[in-house]
Amino acid sequence: MDRSHYRVRKISLEEEGSATDVEDLTPKERVMMVWTLTLQAWMFKEGRVDEPRLRRDVVRTIRSWS
């Protein structure tokens, strides 16, 4: 694949942006930022669009031997 015609630009780290943009967001806003990517990852892995269900087959057994 010939990529010589791709447009690129070179910027410094200062020009890229700062972490304060994300620090000011609420947890809900942060989740919404990546929700589309999360759905795409599930679809790629499972081949389905629906969200995974809560697993009911995971169990933890704690035994007391005293």
N, C-alpha and C. Protein backbone atom coordinates (compact mmCIF):
# COMPACT_ATOMS: atom_id res chain seq x y z
N MET A 1 0.84 -1.17 0.00
CA MET A 1 0.00 0.00 0.00
C MET A 1 0.89 1.24 0.00
N ASP A 2 0.66 2.10 -0.94
CA ASP A 2 1.43 3.34 -1.05
C ASP A 2 0.87 4.39 -0.10
N ARG A 3 1.68 4.79 0.86
CA ARG A 3 1.23 5.78 1.84
C ARG A 3 1.91 7.13 1.65
N SER A 4 2.56 7.32 0.55
CA SER A 4 3.29 8.56 0.32
C SER A 4 2.37 9.77 0.18
N HIS A 5 1.11 9.55 -0.15
CA HIS A 5 0.19 10.68 -0.31
C HIS A 5 -0.59 10.99 0.97
N TYR A 6 -0.35 10.22 2.05
CA TYR A 6 -1.03 10.49 3.33
C TYR A 6 -0.58 11.83 3.90
N ARG A 7 -1.53 12.57 4.42
CA ARG A 7 -1.22 13.86 5.01
C ARG A 7 -0.79 13.66 6.47
N VAL A 8 0.32 14.21 6.86
CA VAL A 8 0.82 14.11 8.24
C VAL A 8 1.18 15.49 8.75
N ARG A 9 1.24 15.61 10.05
CA ARG A 9 1.73 16.86 10.63
C ARG A 9 2.52 16.51 11.88
N LYS A 10 3.53 17.29 12.13
CA LYS A 10 4.40 17.07 13.26
C LYS A 10 4.14 18.16 14.30
N ILE A 11 3.82 17.73 15.55
CA ILE A 11 3.56 18.69 16.61
C ILE A 11 4.34 18.28 17.85
N SER A 12 4.56 19.23 18.72
CA SER A 12 5.25 18.93 19.96
C SER A 12 4.25 18.43 20.99
N LEU A 13 4.74 17.87 22.09
CA LEU A 13 3.85 17.38 23.13
C LEU A 13 3.04 18.52 23.75
N GLU A 14 3.61 19.69 23.84
CA GLU A 14 2.89 20.83 24.40
C GLU A 14 1.70 21.22 23.53
N GLU A 15 1.84 21.09 22.23
CA GLU A 15 0.76 21.44 21.30
C GLU A 15 -0.34 20.38 21.27
N GLU A 16 0.01 19.16 21.63
CA GLU A 16 -0.93 18.05 21.53
C GLU A 16 -2.12 18.21 22.48
N GLY A 17 -1.88 18.71 23.65
CA GLY A 17 -2.94 18.86 24.63
C GLY A 17 -2.43 18.45 25.99
N SER A 18 -3.23 18.71 26.99
CA SER A 18 -2.80 18.38 28.34
C SER A 18 -3.77 17.41 28.99
N ALA A 19 -3.33 16.79 30.07
CA ALA A 19 -4.17 15.85 30.81
C ALA A 19 -5.28 16.56 31.56
N THR A 20 -5.17 17.86 31.72
CA THR A 20 -6.20 18.60 32.46
C THR A 20 -7.54 18.57 31.74
N ASP A 21 -7.52 18.34 30.44
CA ASP A 21 -8.78 18.23 29.71
C ASP A 21 -9.62 17.08 30.27
N VAL A 22 -8.99 15.97 30.58
CA VAL A 22 -9.67 14.80 31.09
C VAL A 22 -9.89 14.91 32.60
N GLU A 23 -8.98 15.53 33.29
CA GLU A 23 -9.10 15.65 34.75
C GLU A 23 -10.35 16.43 35.16
N ASP A 24 -10.81 17.33 34.33
CA ASP A 24 -11.98 18.14 34.66
C ASP A 24 -13.30 17.43 34.39
N LEU A 25 -13.25 16.26 33.76
CA LEU A 25 -14.48 15.54 33.42
C LEU A 25 -14.97 14.70 34.60
N THR A 26 -16.27 14.48 34.63
CA THR A 26 -16.85 13.59 35.65
C THR A 26 -16.61 12.15 35.22
N PRO A 27 -16.72 11.19 36.13
CA PRO A 27 -16.57 9.78 35.74
C PRO A 27 -17.53 9.37 34.63
N LYS A 28 -18.77 9.88 34.68
CA LYS A 28 -19.74 9.54 33.63
C LYS A 28 -19.27 10.05 32.27
N GLU A 29 -18.74 11.26 32.23
CA GLU A 29 -18.25 11.82 30.96
C GLU A 29 -17.05 11.03 30.44
N ARG A 30 -16.21 10.56 31.35
CA ARG A 30 -15.04 9.76 30.93
C ARG A 30 -15.47 8.44 30.31
N VAL A 31 -16.47 7.80 30.91
CA VAL A 31 -16.97 6.53 30.36
C VAL A 31 -17.60 6.76 29.00
N MET A 32 -18.36 7.83 28.86
CA MET A 32 -19.00 8.11 27.58
C MET A 32 -17.99 8.38 26.47
N MET A 33 -16.80 8.87 26.85
CA MET A 33 -15.76 9.12 25.85
C MET A 33 -15.31 7.83 25.18
N VAL A 34 -15.29 6.72 25.91
CA VAL A 34 -14.77 5.47 25.37
C VAL A 34 -15.86 4.44 25.10
N TRP A 35 -17.13 4.80 25.31
CA TRP A 35 -18.20 3.83 25.18
C TRP A 35 -18.30 3.25 23.77
N THR A 36 -18.18 4.08 22.76
CA THR A 36 -18.25 3.60 21.38
C THR A 36 -17.12 2.60 21.10
N LEU A 37 -15.93 2.92 21.58
CA LEU A 37 -14.80 1.99 21.40
C LEU A 37 -15.05 0.68 22.13
N THR A 38 -15.65 0.76 23.31
CA THR A 38 -15.94 -0.44 24.07
C THR A 38 -16.93 -1.33 23.33
N LEU A 39 -17.98 -0.75 22.80
CA LEU A 39 -18.95 -1.53 22.03
C LEU A 39 -18.32 -2.16 20.80
N GLN A 40 -17.45 -1.44 20.13
CA GLN A 40 -16.77 -1.99 18.96
C GLN A 40 -15.86 -3.15 19.34
N ALA A 41 -15.19 -3.04 20.49
CA ALA A 41 -14.31 -4.13 20.94
C ALA A 41 -15.12 -5.38 21.27
N TRP A 42 -16.29 -5.22 21.94
CA TRP A 42 -17.14 -6.37 22.22
C TRP A 42 -17.63 -7.00 20.92
N MET A 43 -18.01 -6.17 19.97
CA MET A 43 -18.50 -6.69 18.70
C MET A 43 -17.39 -7.45 17.97
N PHE A 44 -16.18 -6.95 18.02
CA PHE A 44 -15.05 -7.62 17.38
C PHE A 44 -14.77 -8.95 18.05
N LYS A 45 -14.81 -8.98 19.38
CA LYS A 45 -14.49 -10.19 20.13
C LYS A 45 -15.60 -11.23 20.04
N GLU A 46 -16.83 -10.83 20.27
CA GLU A 46 -17.96 -11.75 20.36
C GLU A 46 -18.76 -11.87 19.06
N GLY A 47 -18.64 -10.89 18.18
CA GLY A 47 -19.44 -10.91 16.97
C GLY A 47 -20.88 -10.48 17.19
N ARG A 48 -21.13 -9.85 18.35
CA ARG A 48 -22.48 -9.41 18.68
C ARG A 48 -22.44 -7.93 19.02
N VAL A 49 -23.59 -7.27 18.93
CA VAL A 49 -23.68 -5.85 19.25
C VAL A 49 -24.14 -5.64 20.68
N ASP A 50 -24.88 -6.60 21.22
CA ASP A 50 -25.43 -6.42 22.57
C ASP A 50 -24.32 -6.46 23.63
N GLU A 51 -24.62 -5.89 24.76
CA GLU A 51 -23.66 -5.83 25.85
C GLU A 51 -23.58 -7.18 26.56
N PRO A 52 -22.40 -7.52 27.11
CA PRO A 52 -22.31 -8.78 27.82
C PRO A 52 -23.15 -8.76 29.11
N ARG A 53 -23.71 -9.88 29.44
CA ARG A 53 -24.55 -10.00 30.63
C ARG A 53 -23.68 -10.25 31.86
N LEU A 54 -24.28 -10.05 33.01
CA LEU A 54 -23.62 -10.36 34.26
C LEU A 54 -23.44 -11.87 34.35
N ARG A 55 -22.23 -12.29 34.62
CA ARG A 55 -21.97 -13.72 34.69
C ARG A 55 -22.54 -14.28 35.99
N ARG A 56 -23.27 -15.35 35.88
CA ARG A 56 -23.87 -15.99 37.05
C ARG A 56 -23.16 -17.30 37.39
N ASP A 57 -22.18 -17.70 36.60
CA ASP A 57 -21.50 -18.97 36.84
C ASP A 57 -20.22 -18.82 37.66
N VAL A 58 -19.87 -17.62 38.08
CA VAL A 58 -18.68 -17.40 38.87
C VAL A 58 -19.04 -17.49 40.34
N VAL A 59 -18.33 -18.36 41.05
CA VAL A 59 -18.64 -18.60 42.46
C VAL A 59 -17.36 -18.57 43.26
N ARG A 60 -17.44 -18.09 44.48
CA ARG A 60 -16.30 -18.12 45.39
C ARG A 60 -16.73 -18.86 46.64
N THR A 61 -15.99 -19.90 47.00
CA THR A 61 -16.29 -20.69 48.18
C THR A 61 -15.20 -20.45 49.22
N ILE A 62 -15.62 -20.08 50.42
CA ILE A 62 -14.68 -19.86 51.52
C ILE A 62 -15.02 -20.88 52.60
N ARG A 63 -14.04 -21.72 52.92
CA ARG A 63 -14.26 -22.75 53.93
C ARG A 63 -13.45 -22.42 55.17
N SER A 64 -14.03 -22.66 56.30
CA SER A 64 -13.35 -22.46 57.57
C SER A 64 -12.95 -23.82 58.13
N TRP A 65 -11.69 -24.02 58.37
CA TRP A 65 -11.19 -25.31 58.86
C TRP A 65 -10.87 -25.27 60.36
N SER A 66 -11.47 -24.35 61.11
CA SER A 66 -11.16 -24.28 62.54
C SER A 66 -12.04 -25.15 63.38
